[in-house]
Amino acid sequence: MLSNRAITIGALVVVGITLLSTTLLVVVLRDAPPKVILEAVRTSASIGVGTGGAAALWLAARRQRSTEVSILRRDHDATETRVTELYGRAAEQLSADKAPVRLAGIFALERLGQTYPTHRQTIVDLICAYLRMPPDASEGQESSEHGGPQEFEVRQAAQQVLVTHLRPAAEPTDDSLFWPDIALNLSGAVLHTFTFSRCRVRSATFADASFHGPAVFRGTLFEQHADFRGVRFSGLGDFRRVGFEGEGVTFRGASFEGEVDFGTHTTAVLSGAMTRLDNGTRRKWPEEWSERPSSERTGWAELVARRS
């Protein structure tokens, strides 16, 4: 915004220009008839008035713009303060003793992310951090309850929130629930019945995570990188039609104890991965990979690339 000093100087400049132009016209037209001189003075005055009016309009526009910017800044600050308060309140709910309160915290975070898109990654990070916490290691919570049926429901709800908002809609026009360009960090998490099918994420790390029950990634797209190092699959591992783009995927140190299905369209590097030797369990690996009994772990086989 312009200062009072600048406005005063501008006004004096306009007046000075008007007086100067009037004086010059009088000097130049000194031999002209009085009527001509009077008309010249009027013209000069009109120029001065017009210039002053233009300056006034410009100043009003500057003030209006300054007011609008101030209002937008205040609204933005108020919104950020509100989001911070809601985020902090939901985070406190996640650390509550009672499972219903923690469940309310999960859904509060979901509503917050749906309303404020710029905060979605932060909200996903918090939900992932909750899932990475050991079920019996949350401060101030009863071990028996936190790791029991109620906490199981809380964690299933947290997983479902991620799936709901990381799965694009079948029709692009109905994609209001989808949160694009999200990175997941579920390293070391204990995940039960993880159905992450037809989702799309920027990247994901599941390093050292444990999947109990089915782990379904069918039709999911990892745009930059996927990390499954050291992961334990105790149940079905379904990787049919999965896209590993960008830097690809690593399964080094992963162990497959149940059924496995990579289908016929998924390409993955399985170097360093292991599977149990069990002739009765159905396992379908990518076409270029096969099992070879391990010389170091009895009852296990390592995944090796087929020779061309």
C-alpha atoms as a PDB file:
ATOM      1  CA  MET A   1       0.000   0.000   0.000  1.00  0.00           C
ATOM      2  CA  LEU A   2       1.215   3.508  -0.803  1.00  0.00           C
ATOM      3  CA  SER A   3       2.268   5.718   2.104  1.00  0.00           C
ATOM      4  CA  ASN A   4       0.690   9.108   2.832  1.00  0.00           C
ATOM      5  CA  ARG A   5       3.952  10.762   1.839  1.00  0.00           C
ATOM      6  CA  ALA A   6       3.884   9.123  -1.585  1.00  0.00           C
ATOM      7  CA  ILE A   7       0.267  10.179  -2.122  1.00  0.00           C
ATOM      8  CA  THR A   8       1.093  13.787  -1.181  1.00  0.00           C
ATOM      9  CA  ILE A   9       4.080  13.856  -3.513  1.00  0.00           C
ATOM     10  CA  GLY A  10       1.960  12.460  -6.336  1.00  0.00           C
ATOM     11  CA  ALA A  11      -0.696  15.106  -5.821  1.00  0.00           C
ATOM     12  CA  LEU A  12       1.906  17.905  -5.837  1.00  0.00           C
ATOM     13  CA  VAL A  13       3.389  16.505  -9.060  1.00  0.00           C
ATOM     14  CA  VAL A  14      -0.032  16.554 -10.753  1.00  0.00           C
ATOM     15  CA  VAL A  15      -0.646  20.154  -9.602  1.00  0.00           C
ATOM     16  CA  GLY A  16       2.857  21.187 -10.710  1.00  0.00           C
ATOM     17  CA  ILE A  17       2.389  19.651 -14.156  1.00  0.00           C
ATOM     18  CA  THR A  18      -0.931  21.448 -14.520  1.00  0.00           C
ATOM     19  CA  LEU A  19       0.539  24.852 -13.518  1.00  0.00           C
ATOM     20  CA  LEU A  20       3.576  24.339 -15.726  1.00  0.00           C
ATOM     21  CA  SER A  21       1.523  23.414 -18.794  1.00  0.00           C
ATOM     22  CA  THR A  22      -0.776  26.395 -18.199  1.00  0.00           C
ATOM     23  CA  THR A  23       2.176  28.771 -17.880  1.00  0.00           C
ATOM     24  CA  LEU A  24       3.801  27.422 -21.051  1.00  0.00           C
ATOM     25  CA  LEU A  25       0.586  27.790 -23.014  1.00  0.00           C
ATOM     26  CA  VAL A  26       0.146  31.388 -21.821  1.00  0.00           C
ATOM     27  CA  VAL A  27       3.750  32.224 -22.780  1.00  0.00           C
ATOM     28  CA  VAL A  28       3.479  30.591 -26.181  1.00  0.00           C
ATOM     29  CA  LEU A  29       0.102  32.198 -26.918  1.00  0.00           C
ATOM     30  CA  ARG A  30       0.834  35.605 -25.399  1.00  0.00           C
ATOM     31  CA  ASP A  31       0.175  37.363 -28.707  1.00  0.00           C
ATOM     32  CA  ALA A  32      -3.051  35.439 -29.358  1.00  0.00           C
ATOM     33  CA  PRO A  33      -6.506  36.870 -28.717  1.00  0.00           C
ATOM     34  CA  PRO A  34      -7.753  36.621 -25.113  1.00  0.00           C
ATOM     35  CA  LYS A  35     -10.402  34.111 -26.137  1.00  0.00           C
ATOM     36  CA  VAL A  36      -7.758  31.722 -27.482  1.00  0.00           C
ATOM     37  CA  ILE A  37      -5.654  32.092 -24.350  1.00  0.00           C
ATOM     38  CA  LEU A  38      -8.693  31.403 -22.147  1.00  0.00           C
ATOM     39  CA  GLU A  39      -9.519  28.271 -24.141  1.00  0.00           C
ATOM     40  CA  ALA A  40      -5.886  27.086 -23.791  1.00  0.00           C
ATOM     41  CA  VAL A  41      -6.039  27.589 -20.017  1.00  0.00           C
ATOM     42  CA  ARG A  42      -9.256  25.573 -19.869  1.00  0.00           C
ATOM     43  CA  THR A  43      -7.651  22.795 -21.886  1.00  0.00           C
ATOM     44  CA  SER A  44      -4.651  22.757 -19.611  1.00  0.00           C
ATOM     45  CA  ALA A  45      -6.900  22.606 -16.562  1.00  0.00           C
ATOM     46  CA  SER A  46      -8.851  19.731 -18.101  1.00  0.00           C
ATOM     47  CA  ILE A  47      -5.602  17.858 -18.665  1.00  0.00           C
ATOM     48  CA  GLY A  48      -4.667  18.391 -15.033  1.00  0.00           C
ATOM     49  CA  VAL A  49      -8.077  17.271 -13.792  1.00  0.00           C
ATOM     50  CA  GLY A  50      -7.952  14.196 -16.061  1.00  0.00           C
ATOM     51  CA  THR A  51      -4.495  13.302 -14.874  1.00  0.00           C
ATOM     52  CA  GLY A  52      -5.596  13.662 -11.271  1.00  0.00           C
ATOM     53  CA  GLY A  53      -8.651  11.505 -11.920  1.00  0.00           C
ATOM     54  CA  ALA A  54      -6.544   8.799 -13.535  1.00  0.00           C
ATOM     55  CA  ALA A  55      -4.180   8.884 -10.585  1.00  0.00           C
ATOM     56  CA  ALA A  56      -7.127   8.648  -8.197  1.00  0.00           C
ATOM     57  CA  LEU A  57      -8.524   5.620 -10.068  1.00  0.00           C
ATOM     58  CA  TRP A  58      -5.128   3.939 -10.034  1.00  0.00           C
ATOM     59  CA  LEU A  59      -4.782   4.626  -6.323  1.00  0.00           C
ATOM     60  CA  ALA A  60      -8.257   3.223  -5.646  1.00  0.00           C
ATOM     61  CA  ALA A  61      -7.397   0.094  -7.622  1.00  0.00           C
ATOM     62  CA  ARG A  62      -4.188  -0.312  -5.619  1.00  0.00           C
ATOM     63  CA  ARG A  63      -6.090   0.026  -2.373  1.00  0.00           C
ATOM     64  CA  GLN A  64      -8.725  -2.479  -3.507  1.00  0.00           C
ATOM     65  CA  ARG A  65      -6.057  -4.987  -4.505  1.00  0.00           C
ATOM     66  CA  SER A  66      -4.248  -4.480  -1.227  1.00  0.00           C
ATOM     67  CA  THR A  67      -7.485  -5.051   0.672  1.00  0.00           C
ATOM     68  CA  GLU A  68      -8.230  -8.235  -1.290  1.00  0.00           C
ATOM     69  CA  VAL A  69      -4.729  -9.607  -0.661  1.00  0.00           C
ATOM     70  CA  SER A  70      -5.059  -8.857   3.045  1.00  0.00           C
ATOM     71  CA  ILE A  71      -8.418 -10.652   3.183  1.00  0.00           C
ATOM     72  CA  LEU A  72      -7.037 -13.674   1.307  1.00  0.00           C
ATOM     73  CA  ARG A  73      -4.031 -13.786   3.614  1.00  0.00           C
ATOM     74  CA  ARG A  74      -6.244 -13.641   6.687  1.00  0.00           C
ATOM     75  CA  ASP A  75      -8.518 -16.359   5.294  1.00  0.00           C
ATOM     76  CA  HIS A  76      -5.517 -18.549   4.488  1.00  0.00           C
ATOM     77  CA  ASP A  77      -4.036 -18.067   7.941  1.00  0.00           C
ATOM     78  CA  ALA A  78      -7.392 -18.827   9.543  1.00  0.00           C
ATOM     79  CA  THR A  79      -7.738 -21.995   7.433  1.00  0.00           C
ATOM     80  CA  GLU A  80      -4.243 -23.184   8.308  1.00  0.00           C
ATOM     81  CA  THR A  81      -4.910 -22.543  11.981  1.00  0.00           C
ATOM     82  CA  ARG A  82      -8.165 -24.465  11.760  1.00  0.00           C
ATOM     83  CA  VAL A  83      -6.499 -27.398   9.970  1.00  0.00           C
ATOM     84  CA  THR A  84      -3.701 -27.483  12.537  1.00  0.00           C
ATOM     85  CA  GLU A  85      -6.220 -27.579  15.370  1.00  0.00           C
ATOM     86  CA  LEU A  86      -8.254 -30.372  13.772  1.00  0.00           C
ATOM     87  CA  TYR A  87      -5.118 -32.336  12.887  1.00  0.00           C
ATOM     88  CA  GLY A  88      -3.785 -32.050  16.433  1.00  0.00           C
ATOM     89  CA  ARG A  89      -7.131 -33.097  17.889  1.00  0.00           C
ATOM     90  CA  ALA A  90      -7.301 -36.176  15.636  1.00  0.00           C
ATOM     91  CA  ALA A  91      -3.706 -37.097  16.495  1.00  0.00           C
ATOM     92  CA  GLU A  92      -4.596 -36.936  20.190  1.00  0.00           C
ATOM     93  CA  GLN A  93      -7.558 -39.238  19.570  1.00  0.00           C
ATOM     94  CA  LEU A  94      -5.237 -41.827  18.019  1.00  0.00           C
ATOM     95  CA  SER A  95      -3.331 -42.019  21.304  1.00  0.00           C
ATOM     96  CA  ALA A  96      -6.477 -42.418  23.425  1.00  0.00           C
ATOM     97  CA  ASP A  97      -6.996 -45.426  25.706  1.00  0.00           C
ATOM     98  CA  LYS A  98     -10.331 -46.413  24.198  1.00  0.00           C
ATOM     99  CA  ALA A  99     -10.594 -48.010  20.761  1.00  0.00           C
ATOM    100  CA  PRO A 100     -13.777 -46.084  19.771  1.00  0.00           C
ATOM    101  CA  VAL A 101     -11.938 -42.807  20.353  1.00  0.00           C
ATOM    102  CA  ARG A 102      -9.036 -43.963  18.204  1.00  0.00           C
ATOM    103  CA  LEU A 103     -11.516 -45.017  15.531  1.00  0.00           C
ATOM    104  CA  ALA A 104     -13.052 -41.540  15.623  1.00  0.00           C
ATOM    105  CA  GLY A 105      -9.556 -40.107  15.145  1.00  0.00           C
ATOM    106  CA  ILE A 106      -9.076 -42.170  11.969  1.00  0.00           C
ATOM    107  CA  PHE A 107     -12.335 -40.924  10.469  1.00  0.00           C
ATOM    108  CA  ALA A 108     -11.605 -37.343  11.535  1.00  0.00           C
ATOM    109  CA  LEU A 109      -8.322 -37.505   9.608  1.00  0.00           C
ATOM    110  CA  GLU A 110     -10.152 -38.887   6.593  1.00  0.00           C
ATOM    111  CA  ARG A 111     -12.636 -35.977   6.600  1.00  0.00           C
ATOM    112  CA  LEU A 112      -9.786 -33.533   7.012  1.00  0.00           C
ATOM    113  CA  GLY A 113      -7.930 -34.948   4.020  1.00  0.00           C
ATOM    114  CA  GLN A 114     -11.044 -34.954   1.877  1.00  0.00           C
ATOM    115  CA  THR A 115     -11.720 -31.291   2.694  1.00  0.00           C
ATOM    116  CA  TYR A 116      -8.144 -29.966   2.463  1.00  0.00           C
ATOM    117  CA  PRO A 117      -6.261 -31.648  -0.430  1.00  0.00           C
ATOM    118  CA  THR A 118      -2.918 -29.944   0.300  1.00  0.00           C
ATOM    119  CA  HIS A 119      -2.721 -31.804   3.618  1.00  0.00           C
ATOM    120  CA  ARG A 120      -3.460 -35.302   2.294  1.00  0.00           C
ATOM    121  CA  GLN A 121       0.128 -36.550   2.279  1.00  0.00           C
ATOM    122  CA  THR A 122       0.591 -35.452   5.897  1.00  0.00           C
ATOM    123  CA  ILE A 123      -2.622 -37.231   6.879  1.00  0.00           C
ATOM    124  CA  VAL A 124      -1.598 -40.412   5.073  1.00  0.00           C
ATOM    125  CA  ASP A 125       1.766 -40.221   6.843  1.00  0.00           C
ATOM    126  CA  LEU A 126       0.024 -40.110  10.222  1.00  0.00           C
ATOM    127  CA  ILE A 127      -2.268 -43.043   9.401  1.00  0.00           C
ATOM    128  CA  CYS A 128       0.737 -45.049   8.196  1.00  0.00           C
ATOM    129  CA  ALA A 129       2.646 -44.168  11.355  1.00  0.00           C
ATOM    130  CA  TYR A 130      -0.263 -45.515  13.410  1.00  0.00           C
ATOM    131  CA  LEU A 131      -0.259 -48.783  11.448  1.00  0.00           C
ATOM    132  CA  ARG A 132       3.518 -49.084  11.930  1.00  0.00           C
ATOM    133  CA  MET A 133       3.134 -48.949  15.712  1.00  0.00           C
ATOM    134  CA  PRO A 134       3.153 -52.386  17.391  1.00  0.00           C
ATOM    135  CA  PRO A 135      -0.376 -53.259  18.524  1.00  0.00           C
ATOM    136  CA  ASP A 136       0.711 -53.509  22.170  1.00  0.00           C
ATOM    137  CA  ALA A 137       3.215 -50.641  22.348  1.00  0.00           C
ATOM    138  CA  SER A 138       1.021 -47.528  22.425  1.00  0.00           C
ATOM    139  CA  GLU A 139       1.664 -45.382  25.460  1.00  0.00           C
ATOM    140  CA  GLY A 140      -1.162 -45.226  27.958  1.00  0.00           C
ATOM    141  CA  GLN A 141      -3.196 -48.044  26.417  1.00  0.00           C
ATOM    142  CA  GLU A 142      -4.122 -51.423  27.814  1.00  0.00           C
ATOM    143  CA  SER A 143      -2.056 -54.065  26.078  1.00  0.00           C
ATOM    144  CA  SER A 144      -4.880 -56.595  26.036  1.00  0.00           C
ATOM    145  CA  GLU A 145      -7.374 -54.176  24.495  1.00  0.00           C
ATOM    146  CA  HIS A 146      -5.009 -52.483  22.065  1.00  0.00           C
ATOM    147  CA  GLY A 147      -3.977 -55.815  20.600  1.00  0.00           C
ATOM    148  CA  GLY A 148      -7.460 -57.341  20.842  1.00  0.00           C
ATOM    149  CA  PRO A 149     -10.581 -57.340  18.681  1.00  0.00           C
ATOM    150  CA  GLN A 150     -11.345 -53.640  19.146  1.00  0.00           C
ATOM    151  CA  GLU A 151      -7.883 -52.516  18.067  1.00  0.00           C
ATOM    152  CA  PHE A 152      -8.103 -54.943  15.157  1.00  0.00           C
ATOM    153  CA  GLU A 153     -11.204 -53.044  13.986  1.00  0.00           C
ATOM    154  CA  VAL A 154      -9.406 -49.703  14.337  1.00  0.00           C
ATOM    155  CA  ARG A 155      -6.520 -50.931  12.196  1.00  0.00           C
ATOM    156  CA  GLN A 156      -8.841 -52.422   9.612  1.00  0.00           C
ATOM    157  CA  ALA A 157     -10.584 -49.051   9.381  1.00  0.00           C
ATOM    158  CA  ALA A 158      -7.221 -47.296   8.927  1.00  0.00           C
ATOM    159  CA  GLN A 159      -6.312 -49.695   6.112  1.00  0.00           C
ATOM    160  CA  GLN A 160      -9.707 -49.155   4.479  1.00  0.00           C
ATOM    161  CA  VAL A 161      -9.290 -45.366   4.558  1.00  0.00           C
ATOM    162  CA  LEU A 162      -6.039 -45.744   2.622  1.00  0.00           C
ATOM    163  CA  VAL A 163      -7.596 -48.094   0.081  1.00  0.00           C
ATOM    164  CA  THR A 164     -10.700 -45.930  -0.399  1.00  0.00           C
ATOM    165  CA  HIS A 165      -8.712 -42.813  -1.247  1.00  0.00           C
ATOM    166  CA  LEU A 166      -5.849 -44.424  -3.163  1.00  0.00           C
ATOM    167  CA  ARG A 167      -8.098 -46.310  -5.574  1.00  0.00           C
ATOM    168  CA  PRO A 168      -9.104 -44.286  -8.659  1.00  0.00           C
ATOM    169  CA  ALA A 169     -12.745 -44.461  -9.663  1.00  0.00           C
ATOM    170  CA  ALA A 170     -13.725 -46.533 -12.675  1.00  0.00           C
ATOM    171  CA  GLU A 171     -15.004 -43.352 -14.330  1.00  0.00           C
ATOM    172  CA  PRO A 172     -12.688 -40.271 -14.335  1.00  0.00           C
ATOM    173  CA  THR A 173     -15.707 -38.025 -13.792  1.00  0.00           C
ATOM    174  CA  ASP A 174     -16.362 -39.704 -10.423  1.00  0.00           C
ATOM    175  CA  ASP A 175     -12.865 -39.370  -8.924  1.00  0.00           C
ATOM    176  CA  SER A 176     -13.723 -37.071  -6.024  1.00  0.00           C
ATOM    177  CA  LEU A 177     -12.571 -39.596  -3.419  1.00  0.00           C
ATOM    178  CA  PHE A 178      -9.202 -40.341  -5.044  1.00  0.00           C
ATOM    179  CA  TRP A 179      -6.079 -38.780  -3.530  1.00  0.00           C
ATOM    180  CA  PRO A 180      -3.369 -38.689  -6.233  1.00  0.00           C
ATOM    181  CA  ASP A 181       0.424 -38.505  -5.908  1.00  0.00           C
ATOM    182  CA  ILE A 182       0.639 -40.173  -2.486  1.00  0.00           C
ATOM    183  CA  ALA A 183       3.643 -42.002  -1.045  1.00  0.00           C
ATOM    184  CA  LEU A 184       3.090 -44.803   1.486  1.00  0.00           C
ATOM    185  CA  ASN A 185       5.455 -45.795   4.266  1.00  0.00           C
ATOM    186  CA  LEU A 186       4.274 -49.007   5.941  1.00  0.00           C
ATOM    187  CA  SER A 187       7.711 -50.383   6.695  1.00  0.00           C
ATOM    188  CA  GLY A 188       7.635 -52.789   9.615  1.00  0.00           C
ATOM    189  CA  ALA A 189       3.833 -52.685   9.884  1.00  0.00           C
ATOM    190  CA  VAL A 190       1.734 -55.696  10.855  1.00  0.00           C
ATOM    191  CA  LEU A 191      -1.094 -55.792   8.327  1.00  0.00           C
ATOM    192  CA  HIS A 192      -4.086 -58.143   8.364  1.00  0.00           C
ATOM    193  CA  THR A 193      -6.133 -58.988   5.273  1.00  0.00           C
ATOM    194  CA  PHE A 194      -4.568 -56.193   3.262  1.00  0.00           C
ATOM    195  CA  THR A 195      -6.708 -55.710   0.146  1.00  0.00           C
ATOM    196  CA  PHE A 196      -4.883 -53.033  -1.838  1.00  0.00           C
ATOM    197  CA  SER A 197      -6.246 -53.894  -5.266  1.00  0.00           C
ATOM    198  CA  ARG A 198      -6.641 -51.426  -8.175  1.00  0.00           C
ATOM    199  CA  CYS A 199      -4.912 -48.636  -6.267  1.00  0.00           C
ATOM    200  CA  ARG A 200      -2.395 -46.081  -7.567  1.00  0.00           C
ATOM    201  CA  VAL A 201       0.396 -44.516  -5.527  1.00  0.00           C
ATOM    202  CA  ARG A 202       3.535 -42.549  -6.290  1.00  0.00           C
ATOM    203  CA  SER A 203       5.663 -44.950  -4.261  1.00  0.00           C
ATOM    204  CA  ALA A 204       5.320 -47.393  -1.386  1.00  0.00           C
ATOM    205  CA  THR A 205       7.646 -49.070   1.077  1.00  0.00           C
ATOM    206  CA  PHE A 206       6.586 -52.198   2.953  1.00  0.00           C
ATOM    207  CA  ALA A 207      10.105 -53.134   4.031  1.00  0.00           C
ATOM    208  CA  ASP A 208      10.079 -55.688   6.900  1.00  0.00           C
ATOM    209  CA  ALA A 209       6.285 -55.608   7.102  1.00  0.00           C
ATOM    210  CA  SER A 210       4.261 -58.729   7.956  1.00  0.00           C
ATOM    211  CA  PHE A 211       1.126 -59.615   6.010  1.00  0.00           C
ATOM    212  CA  HIS A 212      -1.253 -61.929   7.862  1.00  0.00           C
ATOM    213  CA  GLY A 213      -3.982 -63.384   5.698  1.00  0.00           C
ATOM    214  CA  PRO A 214      -4.377 -62.358   2.059  1.00  0.00           C
ATOM    215  CA  ALA A 215      -2.238 -59.527   0.693  1.00  0.00           C
ATOM    216  CA  VAL A 216      -3.967 -58.504  -2.524  1.00  0.00           C
ATOM    217  CA  PHE A 217      -2.281 -55.973  -4.820  1.00  0.00           C
ATOM    218  CA  ARG A 218      -4.058 -57.043  -7.987  1.00  0.00           C
ATOM    219  CA  GLY A 219      -4.257 -54.243 -10.575  1.00  0.00           C
ATOM    220  CA  THR A 220      -2.322 -51.722  -8.468  1.00  0.00           C
ATOM    221  CA  LEU A 221       0.105 -49.237 -10.046  1.00  0.00           C
ATOM    222  CA  PHE A 222       3.298 -48.110  -8.299  1.00  0.00           C
ATOM    223  CA  GLU A 223       4.368 -45.084 -10.337  1.00  0.00           C
ATOM    224  CA  GLN A 224       7.942 -44.641  -9.089  1.00  0.00           C
ATOM    225  CA  HIS A 225       9.055 -47.392  -6.733  1.00  0.00           C
ATOM    226  CA  ALA A 226       7.844 -50.260  -4.548  1.00  0.00           C
ATOM    227  CA  ASP A 227       9.913 -51.747  -1.722  1.00  0.00           C
ATOM    228  CA  PHE A 228       9.057 -55.225  -0.398  1.00  0.00           C
ATOM    229  CA  ARG A 229      12.453 -56.015   1.131  1.00  0.00           C
ATOM    230  CA  GLY A 230      12.259 -58.402   4.065  1.00  0.00           C
ATOM    231  CA  VAL A 231       8.466 -58.669   3.869  1.00  0.00           C
ATOM    232  CA  ARG A 232       6.780 -61.780   5.244  1.00  0.00           C
ATOM    233  CA  PHE A 233       3.712 -63.060   3.397  1.00  0.00           C
ATOM    234  CA  SER A 234       2.041 -65.660   5.603  1.00  0.00           C
ATOM    235  CA  GLY A 235      -1.025 -65.976   3.370  1.00  0.00           C
ATOM    236  CA  LEU A 236      -1.898 -65.361  -0.255  1.00  0.00           C
ATOM    237  CA  GLY A 237       0.265 -62.891  -2.143  1.00  0.00           C
ATOM    238  CA  ASP A 238      -1.712 -61.690  -5.162  1.00  0.00           C
ATOM    239  CA  PHE A 239       0.304 -59.562  -7.602  1.00  0.00           C
ATOM    240  CA  ARG A 240      -1.673 -60.129 -10.792  1.00  0.00           C
ATOM    241  CA  ARG A 241      -1.587 -57.236 -13.266  1.00  0.00           C
ATOM    242  CA  VAL A 242       0.514 -55.058 -10.961  1.00  0.00           C
ATOM    243  CA  GLY A 243       2.490 -52.242 -12.569  1.00  0.00           C
ATOM    244  CA  PHE A 244       5.953 -51.497 -11.153  1.00  0.00           C
ATOM    245  CA  GLU A 245       7.075 -48.366 -12.996  1.00  0.00           C
ATOM    246  CA  GLY A 246       9.932 -45.914 -12.483  1.00  0.00           C
ATOM    247  CA  GLU A 247      12.659 -47.596 -10.427  1.00  0.00           C
ATOM    248  CA  GLY A 248      10.666 -50.849 -10.328  1.00  0.00           C
ATOM    249  CA  VAL A 249      10.376 -53.108  -7.306  1.00  0.00           C
ATOM    250  CA  THR A 250      12.618 -55.080  -4.967  1.00  0.00           C
ATOM    251  CA  PHE A 251      11.677 -58.265  -3.073  1.00  0.00           C
ATOM    252  CA  ARG A 252      15.126 -59.017  -1.660  1.00  0.00           C
ATOM    253  CA  GLY A 253      14.794 -60.898   1.621  1.00  0.00           C
ATOM    254  CA  ALA A 254      11.026 -61.338   1.235  1.00  0.00           C
ATOM    255  CA  SER A 255       9.515 -64.687   2.250  1.00  0.00           C
ATOM    256  CA  PHE A 256       6.379 -66.225   0.716  1.00  0.00           C
ATOM    257  CA  GLU A 257       4.819 -68.843   2.991  1.00  0.00           C
ATOM    258  CA  GLY A 258       1.412 -69.229   1.378  1.00  0.00           C
ATOM    259  CA  GLU A 259      -0.056 -69.118  -2.107  1.00  0.00           C
ATOM    260  CA  VAL A 260       1.492 -66.742  -4.637  1.00  0.00           C
ATOM    261  CA  ASP A 261       0.079 -65.495  -7.914  1.00  0.00           C
ATOM    262  CA  PHE A 262       1.927 -63.052 -10.168  1.00  0.00           C
ATOM    263  CA  GLY A 263      -0.314 -63.929 -13.128  1.00  0.00           C
ATOM    264  CA  THR A 264       0.978 -63.600 -16.667  1.00  0.00           C
ATOM    265  CA  HIS A 265       1.262 -59.820 -17.000  1.00  0.00           C
ATOM    266  CA  THR A 266       3.305 -58.760 -13.958  1.00  0.00           C
ATOM    267  CA  THR A 267       7.028 -58.187 -14.368  1.00  0.00           C
ATOM    268  CA  ALA A 268       9.102 -58.145 -11.186  1.00  0.00           C
ATOM    269  CA  VAL A 269      12.651 -58.778  -9.970  1.00  0.00           C
ATOM    270  CA  LEU A 270      12.591 -61.498  -7.281  1.00  0.00           C
ATOM    271  CA  SER A 271      16.308 -61.778  -6.561  1.00  0.00           C
ATOM    272  CA  GLY A 272      16.879 -62.709  -2.925  1.00  0.00           C
ATOM    273  CA  ALA A 273      13.261 -63.717  -2.252  1.00  0.00           C
ATOM    274  CA  MET A 274      12.462 -67.062  -0.591  1.00  0.00           C
ATOM    275  CA  THR A 275       9.469 -69.411  -0.515  1.00  0.00           C
ATOM    276  CA  ARG A 276       8.595 -72.535   1.460  1.00  0.00           C
ATOM    277  CA  LEU A 277       9.033 -75.874  -0.241  1.00  0.00           C
ATOM    278  CA  ASP A 278       5.481 -77.169  -0.352  1.00  0.00           C
ATOM    279  CA  ASN A 279       4.296 -79.155  -3.328  1.00  0.00           C
ATOM    280  CA  GLY A 280       0.680 -78.737  -2.285  1.00  0.00           C
ATOM    281  CA  THR A 281       0.641 -74.928  -2.349  1.00  0.00           C
ATOM    282  CA  ARG A 282      -0.197 -73.152  -5.602  1.00  0.00           C
ATOM    283  CA  ARG A 283       2.440 -70.642  -6.587  1.00  0.00           C
ATOM    284  CA  LYS A 284       2.646 -68.814  -9.916  1.00  0.00           C
ATOM    285  CA  TRP A 285       5.767 -66.715 -10.402  1.00  0.00           C
ATOM    286  CA  PRO A 286       6.585 -64.352 -13.256  1.00  0.00           C
ATOM    287  CA  GLU A 287       7.498 -66.372 -16.330  1.00  0.00           C
ATOM    288  CA  GLU A 288      11.234 -65.654 -16.053  1.00  0.00           C
ATOM    289  CA  TRP A 289      11.530 -66.843 -12.413  1.00  0.00           C
ATOM    290  CA  SER A 290      11.585 -70.299 -10.804  1.00  0.00           C
ATOM    291  CA  GLU A 291      12.275 -71.985  -7.450  1.00  0.00           C
ATOM    292  CA  ARG A 292      15.563 -73.604  -6.451  1.00  0.00           C
ATOM    293  CA  PRO A 293      15.965 -75.434  -3.111  1.00  0.00           C
ATOM    294  CA  SER A 294      18.040 -73.373  -0.721  1.00  0.00           C
ATOM    295  CA  SER A 295      21.332 -74.804   0.500  1.00  0.00           C
ATOM    296  CA  GLU A 296      21.219 -72.600   3.590  1.00  0.00           C
ATOM    297  CA  ARG A 297      17.597 -72.902   4.809  1.00  0.00           C
ATOM    298  CA  THR A 298      16.046 -76.316   5.078  1.00  0.00           C
ATOM    299  CA  GLY A 299      12.530 -76.495   3.697  1.00  0.00           C
ATOM    300  CA  TRP A 300      12.911 -73.275   1.732  1.00  0.00           C
ATOM    301  CA  ALA A 301      13.615 -72.388  -1.893  1.00  0.00           C
ATOM    302  CA  GLU A 302      15.120 -69.280  -3.366  1.00  0.00           C
ATOM    303  CA  LEU A 303      13.776 -67.502  -6.431  1.00  0.00           C
ATOM    304  CA  VAL A 304      16.199 -67.502  -9.348  1.00  0.00           C
ATOM    305  CA  ALA A 305      15.973 -66.134 -12.872  1.00  0.00           C
ATOM    306  CA  ARG A 306      15.580 -68.751 -15.572  1.00  0.00           C
ATOM    307  CA  ARG A 307      18.460 -69.047 -17.983  1.00  0.00           C
ATOM    308  CA  SER A 308      17.631 -67.827 -21.462  1.00  0.00           C
END
